[in-house]
Amino acid sequence: MTCKHLPRPDEEHREFREEADSLWRITLSPVTWVAHFLLSYIVVAVVCAKAPALLGTARIGLLVATLLALAVIVWLGLRAWRQWDWNNTGDYTNPVGEAEDRHQFLGHAAVLLALISAIGVIYGTLPVLMLESCR
């Protein structure tokens, strides 16, 4: 016979906070990708329209922005990897559907979104690297 205890308020608060953090991890990697994408295209459009002589400086600035975006995405991906925690459970899937399984699924989804976002940032940077002029 199993006896389930009612969660204490501090346990409920901690669990709610962990789930809220999970949702932020899922959201922030794609948002970082989108912000980098918009920044890249806006900077290149403005520089080419107003000051083509500054294209080299803009390229360096966008490379720094790319490194920063990749650092943020890698940091989020590593945190999500720890949340996924399949090393401790030994399960890639969680068929039971308990609260901990859902928590690990959110970590798994965040890892995959971080990977896709990193690939998107890298592919979005390739034209900046290959751009020689504004024509």
N, C-alpha and C. Protein backbone atom coordinates (compact mmCIF):
# COMPACT_ATOMS: atom_id res chain seq x y z
N MET A 1 0.85 -1.17 0.00
CA MET A 1 0.00 0.00 0.00
C MET A 1 0.89 1.23 0.00
N THR A 2 0.67 2.09 -0.94
CA THR A 2 1.49 3.30 -1.00
C THR A 2 0.70 4.46 -0.44
N CYS A 3 1.41 5.30 0.22
CA CYS A 3 0.79 6.47 0.82
C CYS A 3 1.40 7.71 0.19
N LYS A 4 0.60 8.45 -0.49
CA LYS A 4 1.09 9.68 -1.08
C LYS A 4 0.81 10.81 -0.11
N HIS A 5 1.84 11.63 0.06
CA HIS A 5 1.66 12.77 0.95
C HIS A 5 1.25 14.00 0.15
N LEU A 6 0.56 14.88 0.81
CA LEU A 6 0.21 16.13 0.16
C LEU A 6 1.46 17.00 0.09
N PRO A 7 1.70 17.62 -1.05
CA PRO A 7 2.90 18.44 -1.17
C PRO A 7 2.81 19.68 -0.28
N ARG A 8 3.96 20.00 0.29
CA ARG A 8 4.05 21.21 1.09
C ARG A 8 4.06 22.41 0.15
N PRO A 9 3.70 23.59 0.65
CA PRO A 9 3.69 24.78 -0.22
C PRO A 9 5.05 25.08 -0.84
N ASP A 10 6.14 24.85 -0.10
CA ASP A 10 7.46 25.12 -0.68
C ASP A 10 7.80 24.13 -1.80
N GLU A 11 7.32 22.87 -1.68
CA GLU A 11 7.51 21.90 -2.76
C GLU A 11 6.74 22.30 -4.01
N GLU A 12 5.51 22.73 -3.81
CA GLU A 12 4.70 23.18 -4.94
C GLU A 12 5.32 24.39 -5.63
N HIS A 13 5.84 25.32 -4.83
CA HIS A 13 6.47 26.52 -5.39
C HIS A 13 7.73 26.15 -6.18
N ARG A 14 8.52 25.22 -5.66
CA ARG A 14 9.75 24.80 -6.35
C ARG A 14 9.41 24.10 -7.66
N GLU A 15 8.39 23.23 -7.63
CA GLU A 15 8.00 22.51 -8.84
C GLU A 15 7.45 23.47 -9.89
N PHE A 16 6.65 24.44 -9.46
CA PHE A 16 6.11 25.42 -10.40
C PHE A 16 7.25 26.24 -11.00
N ARG A 17 8.22 26.61 -10.19
CA ARG A 17 9.35 27.41 -10.68
C ARG A 17 10.17 26.61 -11.70
N GLU A 18 10.39 25.32 -11.45
CA GLU A 18 11.14 24.48 -12.39
C GLU A 18 10.41 24.37 -13.73
N GLU A 19 9.10 24.23 -13.70
CA GLU A 19 8.33 24.13 -14.94
C GLU A 19 8.33 25.46 -15.68
N ALA A 20 8.26 26.57 -14.96
CA ALA A 20 8.33 27.88 -15.60
C ALA A 20 9.69 28.07 -16.26
N ASP A 21 10.76 27.64 -15.59
CA ASP A 21 12.10 27.72 -16.18
C ASP A 21 12.19 26.84 -17.43
N SER A 22 11.54 25.69 -17.41
CA SER A 22 11.54 24.80 -18.57
C SER A 22 10.91 25.48 -19.77
N LEU A 23 9.81 26.16 -19.54
CA LEU A 23 9.14 26.85 -20.65
C LEU A 23 9.99 27.99 -21.19
N TRP A 24 10.73 28.68 -20.31
CA TRP A 24 11.64 29.72 -20.78
C TRP A 24 12.77 29.12 -21.59
N ARG A 25 13.29 27.97 -21.17
CA ARG A 25 14.37 27.32 -21.93
C ARG A 25 13.91 26.92 -23.33
N ILE A 26 12.67 26.48 -23.42
CA ILE A 26 12.13 26.11 -24.73
C ILE A 26 12.00 27.34 -25.62
N THR A 27 11.63 28.46 -25.04
CA THR A 27 11.35 29.66 -25.81
C THR A 27 12.60 30.45 -26.18
N LEU A 28 13.58 30.54 -25.30
CA LEU A 28 14.67 31.49 -25.49
C LEU A 28 15.65 31.12 -26.60
N SER A 29 15.85 29.85 -26.89
CA SER A 29 16.76 29.50 -27.98
C SER A 29 16.23 29.98 -29.34
N PRO A 30 14.97 29.68 -29.69
CA PRO A 30 14.46 30.22 -30.95
C PRO A 30 14.37 31.74 -30.96
N VAL A 31 14.08 32.35 -29.83
CA VAL A 31 14.03 33.82 -29.76
C VAL A 31 15.42 34.40 -30.02
N THR A 32 16.45 33.76 -29.50
CA THR A 32 17.82 34.20 -29.76
C THR A 32 18.14 34.08 -31.24
N TRP A 33 17.73 33.00 -31.85
CA TRP A 33 17.94 32.80 -33.29
C TRP A 33 17.25 33.92 -34.09
N VAL A 34 15.99 34.19 -33.77
CA VAL A 34 15.23 35.21 -34.47
C VAL A 34 15.86 36.59 -34.28
N ALA A 35 16.28 36.90 -33.06
CA ALA A 35 16.92 38.19 -32.79
C ALA A 35 18.20 38.34 -33.60
N HIS A 36 18.98 37.28 -33.67
CA HIS A 36 20.22 37.32 -34.46
C HIS A 36 19.90 37.50 -35.94
N PHE A 37 18.91 36.79 -36.43
CA PHE A 37 18.51 36.88 -37.83
C PHE A 37 18.08 38.31 -38.17
N LEU A 38 17.21 38.88 -37.34
CA LEU A 38 16.75 40.25 -37.59
C LEU A 38 17.90 41.25 -37.51
N LEU A 39 18.74 41.10 -36.51
CA LEU A 39 19.88 42.01 -36.36
C LEU A 39 20.78 41.94 -37.59
N SER A 40 21.06 40.75 -38.07
CA SER A 40 21.93 40.59 -39.24
C SER A 40 21.36 41.30 -40.46
N TYR A 41 20.10 41.06 -40.75
CA TYR A 41 19.51 41.64 -41.95
C TYR A 41 19.30 43.14 -41.81
N ILE A 42 18.94 43.61 -40.64
CA ILE A 42 18.75 45.05 -40.45
C ILE A 42 20.07 45.79 -40.56
N VAL A 43 21.12 45.26 -39.92
CA VAL A 43 22.42 45.92 -39.98
C VAL A 43 22.94 45.97 -41.41
N VAL A 44 22.87 44.87 -42.12
CA VAL A 44 23.37 44.85 -43.50
C VAL A 44 22.54 45.78 -44.38
N ALA A 45 21.24 45.80 -44.21
CA ALA A 45 20.39 46.69 -45.02
C ALA A 45 20.70 48.16 -44.75
N VAL A 46 20.84 48.52 -43.49
CA VAL A 46 21.13 49.92 -43.15
C VAL A 46 22.52 50.32 -43.62
N VAL A 47 23.51 49.47 -43.40
CA VAL A 47 24.87 49.79 -43.82
C VAL A 47 24.95 49.90 -45.34
N CYS A 48 24.34 49.00 -46.05
CA CYS A 48 24.39 49.06 -47.51
C CYS A 48 23.64 50.27 -48.05
N ALA A 49 22.57 50.68 -47.38
CA ALA A 49 21.79 51.83 -47.85
C ALA A 49 22.43 53.16 -47.48
N LYS A 50 23.04 53.24 -46.31
CA LYS A 50 23.51 54.53 -45.81
C LYS A 50 25.02 54.70 -45.82
N ALA A 51 25.76 53.64 -45.53
CA ALA A 51 27.22 53.78 -45.40
C ALA A 51 27.93 52.51 -45.84
N PRO A 52 28.02 52.27 -47.15
CA PRO A 52 28.65 51.04 -47.62
C PRO A 52 30.12 50.91 -47.22
N ALA A 53 30.76 52.01 -46.89
CA ALA A 53 32.16 51.96 -46.49
C ALA A 53 32.33 51.24 -45.14
N LEU A 54 31.28 51.16 -44.38
CA LEU A 54 31.35 50.53 -43.05
C LEU A 54 31.01 49.05 -43.08
N LEU A 55 30.97 48.46 -44.25
CA LEU A 55 30.58 47.06 -44.37
C LEU A 55 31.53 46.13 -43.62
N GLY A 56 32.82 46.41 -43.66
CA GLY A 56 33.80 45.58 -42.94
C GLY A 56 33.57 45.63 -41.44
N THR A 57 33.31 46.82 -40.93
CA THR A 57 33.03 46.98 -39.50
C THR A 57 31.73 46.27 -39.12
N ALA A 58 30.73 46.38 -39.99
CA ALA A 58 29.46 45.71 -39.73
C ALA A 58 29.65 44.20 -39.72
N ARG A 59 30.49 43.69 -40.60
CA ARG A 59 30.75 42.25 -40.64
C ARG A 59 31.38 41.77 -39.33
N ILE A 60 32.33 42.53 -38.83
CA ILE A 60 32.98 42.16 -37.56
C ILE A 60 31.97 42.21 -36.42
N GLY A 61 31.16 43.25 -36.40
CA GLY A 61 30.12 43.36 -35.37
C GLY A 61 29.13 42.21 -35.43
N LEU A 62 28.75 41.81 -36.62
CA LEU A 62 27.81 40.68 -36.75
C LEU A 62 28.45 39.36 -36.37
N LEU A 63 29.75 39.22 -36.60
CA LEU A 63 30.43 38.00 -36.15
C LEU A 63 30.47 37.94 -34.62
N VAL A 64 30.68 39.09 -33.98
CA VAL A 64 30.65 39.13 -32.52
C VAL A 64 29.23 38.80 -32.03
N ALA A 65 28.21 39.34 -32.69
CA ALA A 65 26.82 39.04 -32.33
C ALA A 65 26.53 37.55 -32.52
N THR A 66 27.11 36.96 -33.56
CA THR A 66 26.92 35.53 -33.81
C THR A 66 27.53 34.70 -32.68
N LEU A 67 28.74 35.06 -32.28
CA LEU A 67 29.37 34.32 -31.18
C LEU A 67 28.57 34.46 -29.89
N LEU A 68 28.05 35.65 -29.65
CA LEU A 68 27.23 35.87 -28.46
C LEU A 68 25.94 35.04 -28.52
N ALA A 69 25.29 35.04 -29.68
CA ALA A 69 24.06 34.26 -29.83
C ALA A 69 24.33 32.77 -29.65
N LEU A 70 25.43 32.29 -30.24
CA LEU A 70 25.77 30.87 -30.07
C LEU A 70 26.09 30.54 -28.62
N ALA A 71 26.75 31.45 -27.92
CA ALA A 71 27.06 31.22 -26.50
C ALA A 71 25.78 31.11 -25.69
N VAL A 72 24.82 31.98 -25.95
CA VAL A 72 23.54 31.94 -25.23
C VAL A 72 22.81 30.63 -25.54
N ILE A 73 22.79 30.23 -26.80
CA ILE A 73 22.09 29.01 -27.18
C ILE A 73 22.77 27.78 -26.58
N VAL A 74 24.09 27.74 -26.58
CA VAL A 74 24.80 26.61 -25.98
C VAL A 74 24.53 26.55 -24.48
N TRP A 75 24.54 27.70 -23.82
CA TRP A 75 24.26 27.73 -22.38
C TRP A 75 22.85 27.20 -22.10
N LEU A 76 21.87 27.65 -22.88
CA LEU A 76 20.50 27.16 -22.70
C LEU A 76 20.40 25.67 -23.01
N GLY A 77 21.11 25.23 -24.04
CA GLY A 77 21.10 23.81 -24.39
C GLY A 77 21.71 22.93 -23.31
N LEU A 78 22.79 23.40 -22.69
CA LEU A 78 23.41 22.62 -21.62
C LEU A 78 22.50 22.53 -20.40
N ARG A 79 21.82 23.62 -20.08
CA ARG A 79 20.87 23.57 -18.95
C ARG A 79 19.72 22.61 -19.27
N ALA A 80 19.26 22.63 -20.51
CA ALA A 80 18.18 21.72 -20.90
C ALA A 80 18.66 20.28 -20.90
N TRP A 81 19.92 20.06 -21.28
CA TRP A 81 20.50 18.71 -21.28
C TRP A 81 20.49 18.14 -19.86
N ARG A 82 20.85 18.98 -18.88
CA ARG A 82 20.83 18.54 -17.48
C ARG A 82 19.40 18.25 -17.02
N GLN A 83 18.45 19.01 -17.53
CA GLN A 83 17.05 18.77 -17.15
C GLN A 83 16.54 17.47 -17.77
N TRP A 84 16.96 17.18 -18.99
CA TRP A 84 16.52 15.95 -19.66
C TRP A 84 16.93 14.75 -18.83
N ASP A 85 18.18 14.69 -18.40
CA ASP A 85 18.67 13.74 -17.40
C ASP A 85 18.44 12.27 -17.78
N TRP A 86 18.63 11.92 -19.04
CA TRP A 86 18.42 10.53 -19.41
C TRP A 86 19.57 9.64 -18.96
N ASN A 87 20.71 10.23 -18.59
CA ASN A 87 21.82 9.42 -18.07
C ASN A 87 21.44 8.75 -16.75
N ASN A 88 20.73 9.44 -15.90
CA ASN A 88 20.35 8.88 -14.60
C ASN A 88 19.17 7.92 -14.70
N THR A 89 18.24 8.18 -15.60
CA THR A 89 17.07 7.32 -15.71
C THR A 89 17.31 6.15 -16.64
N GLY A 90 18.20 6.30 -17.62
CA GLY A 90 18.47 5.25 -18.57
C GLY A 90 17.41 5.12 -19.65
N ASP A 91 16.44 6.00 -19.62
CA ASP A 91 15.33 5.96 -20.57
C ASP A 91 15.37 7.16 -21.50
N TYR A 92 15.34 6.91 -22.80
CA TYR A 92 15.19 8.00 -23.75
C TYR A 92 13.74 8.44 -23.81
N THR A 93 12.84 7.53 -23.52
CA THR A 93 11.41 7.84 -23.55
C THR A 93 10.86 7.67 -22.14
N ASN A 94 9.74 8.30 -21.90
CA ASN A 94 9.09 8.22 -20.60
C ASN A 94 7.62 7.87 -20.81
N PRO A 95 7.33 6.56 -20.92
CA PRO A 95 5.96 6.16 -21.27
C PRO A 95 4.94 6.30 -20.15
N VAL A 96 5.37 6.47 -18.92
CA VAL A 96 4.43 6.48 -17.81
C VAL A 96 3.62 7.76 -17.77
N GLY A 97 4.25 8.90 -18.02
CA GLY A 97 3.53 10.16 -18.05
C GLY A 97 3.36 10.82 -16.70
N GLU A 98 4.30 10.60 -15.80
CA GLU A 98 4.23 11.25 -14.49
C GLU A 98 4.81 12.66 -14.61
N ALA A 99 4.74 13.41 -13.52
CA ALA A 99 5.21 14.80 -13.52
C ALA A 99 6.70 14.87 -13.87
N GLU A 100 7.48 13.96 -13.34
CA GLU A 100 8.92 13.97 -13.64
C GLU A 100 9.18 13.65 -15.11
N ASP A 101 8.38 12.77 -15.68
CA ASP A 101 8.51 12.44 -17.10
C ASP A 101 8.22 13.67 -17.97
N ARG A 102 7.21 14.43 -17.60
CA ARG A 102 6.90 15.65 -18.36
C ARG A 102 8.02 16.66 -18.22
N HIS A 103 8.59 16.75 -17.04
CA HIS A 103 9.71 17.66 -16.80
C HIS A 103 10.90 17.27 -17.69
N GLN A 104 11.20 15.99 -17.79
CA GLN A 104 12.29 15.54 -18.64
C GLN A 104 11.96 15.73 -20.11
N PHE A 105 10.72 15.56 -20.50
CA PHE A 105 10.34 15.80 -21.89
C PHE A 105 10.56 17.25 -22.28
N LEU A 106 10.23 18.18 -21.38
CA LEU A 106 10.48 19.60 -21.67
C LEU A 106 11.97 19.85 -21.84
N GLY A 107 12.80 19.18 -21.06
CA GLY A 107 14.25 19.29 -21.24
C GLY A 107 14.68 18.75 -22.59
N HIS A 108 14.13 17.62 -22.99
CA HIS A 108 14.45 17.02 -24.28
C HIS A 108 14.05 17.95 -25.43
N ALA A 109 12.85 18.51 -25.35
CA ALA A 109 12.39 19.44 -26.38
C ALA A 109 13.28 20.68 -26.44
N ALA A 110 13.71 21.17 -25.29
CA ALA A 110 14.57 22.36 -25.26
C ALA A 110 15.94 22.06 -25.85
N VAL A 111 16.47 20.86 -25.63
CA VAL A 111 17.75 20.47 -26.24
C VAL A 111 17.63 20.48 -27.76
N LEU A 112 16.56 19.89 -28.28
CA LEU A 112 16.38 19.84 -29.73
C LEU A 112 16.18 21.24 -30.32
N LEU A 113 15.44 22.09 -29.63
CA LEU A 113 15.25 23.45 -30.11
C LEU A 113 16.55 24.25 -30.07
N ALA A 114 17.38 24.01 -29.06
CA ALA A 114 18.67 24.69 -29.00
C ALA A 114 19.56 24.24 -30.16
N LEU A 115 19.52 22.97 -30.49
CA LEU A 115 20.31 22.46 -31.61
C LEU A 115 19.85 23.08 -32.93
N ILE A 116 18.55 23.11 -33.15
CA ILE A 116 18.01 23.71 -34.37
C ILE A 116 18.33 25.20 -34.42
N SER A 117 18.24 25.89 -33.29
CA SER A 117 18.54 27.32 -33.25
C SER A 117 20.00 27.60 -33.55
N ALA A 118 20.89 26.77 -33.02
CA ALA A 118 22.32 26.95 -33.30
C ALA A 118 22.61 26.76 -34.78
N ILE A 119 21.99 25.76 -35.39
CA ILE A 119 22.17 25.54 -36.83
C ILE A 119 21.63 26.74 -37.60
N GLY A 120 20.49 27.28 -37.19
CA GLY A 120 19.92 28.46 -37.84
C GLY A 120 20.82 29.68 -37.74
N VAL A 121 21.42 29.89 -36.58
CA VAL A 121 22.34 31.02 -36.41
C VAL A 121 23.55 30.86 -37.32
N ILE A 122 24.08 29.66 -37.38
CA ILE A 122 25.26 29.42 -38.23
C ILE A 122 24.92 29.64 -39.70
N TYR A 123 23.80 29.10 -40.16
CA TYR A 123 23.41 29.30 -41.55
C TYR A 123 23.05 30.76 -41.84
N GLY A 124 22.51 31.46 -40.87
CA GLY A 124 22.20 32.88 -41.05
C GLY A 124 23.44 33.75 -41.13
N THR A 125 24.54 33.25 -40.60
CA THR A 125 25.79 34.01 -40.62
C THR A 125 26.58 33.78 -41.89
N LEU A 126 26.37 32.69 -42.58
CA LEU A 126 27.15 32.40 -43.79
C LEU A 126 27.08 33.51 -44.84
N PRO A 127 25.91 34.10 -45.14
CA PRO A 127 25.93 35.19 -46.12
C PRO A 127 26.73 36.40 -45.64
N VAL A 128 26.72 36.66 -44.34
CA VAL A 128 27.51 37.78 -43.81
C VAL A 128 28.98 37.53 -44.03
N LEU A 129 29.42 36.30 -43.87
CA LEU A 129 30.83 35.98 -44.07
C LEU A 129 31.23 36.07 -45.55
N MET A 130 30.31 35.72 -46.42
CA MET A 130 30.62 35.68 -47.85
C MET A 130 30.34 36.98 -48.58
N LEU A 131 29.70 37.92 -47.90
CA LEU A 131 29.35 39.17 -48.53
C LEU A 131 30.59 40.03 -48.75
N GLU A 132 30.84 40.40 -49.99
CA GLU A 132 32.01 41.22 -50.31
C GLU A 132 31.63 42.67 -50.54
N SER A 133 30.46 42.90 -51.09
CA SER A 133 30.01 44.26 -51.33
C SER A 133 28.49 44.31 -51.19
N CYS A 134 27.96 45.49 -51.28
CA CYS A 134 26.51 45.66 -51.15
C CYS A 134 25.77 45.49 -52.47
N ARG A 135 26.44 45.20 -53.53
CA ARG A 135 25.78 45.07 -54.84
C ARG A 135 25.22 43.70 -55.04
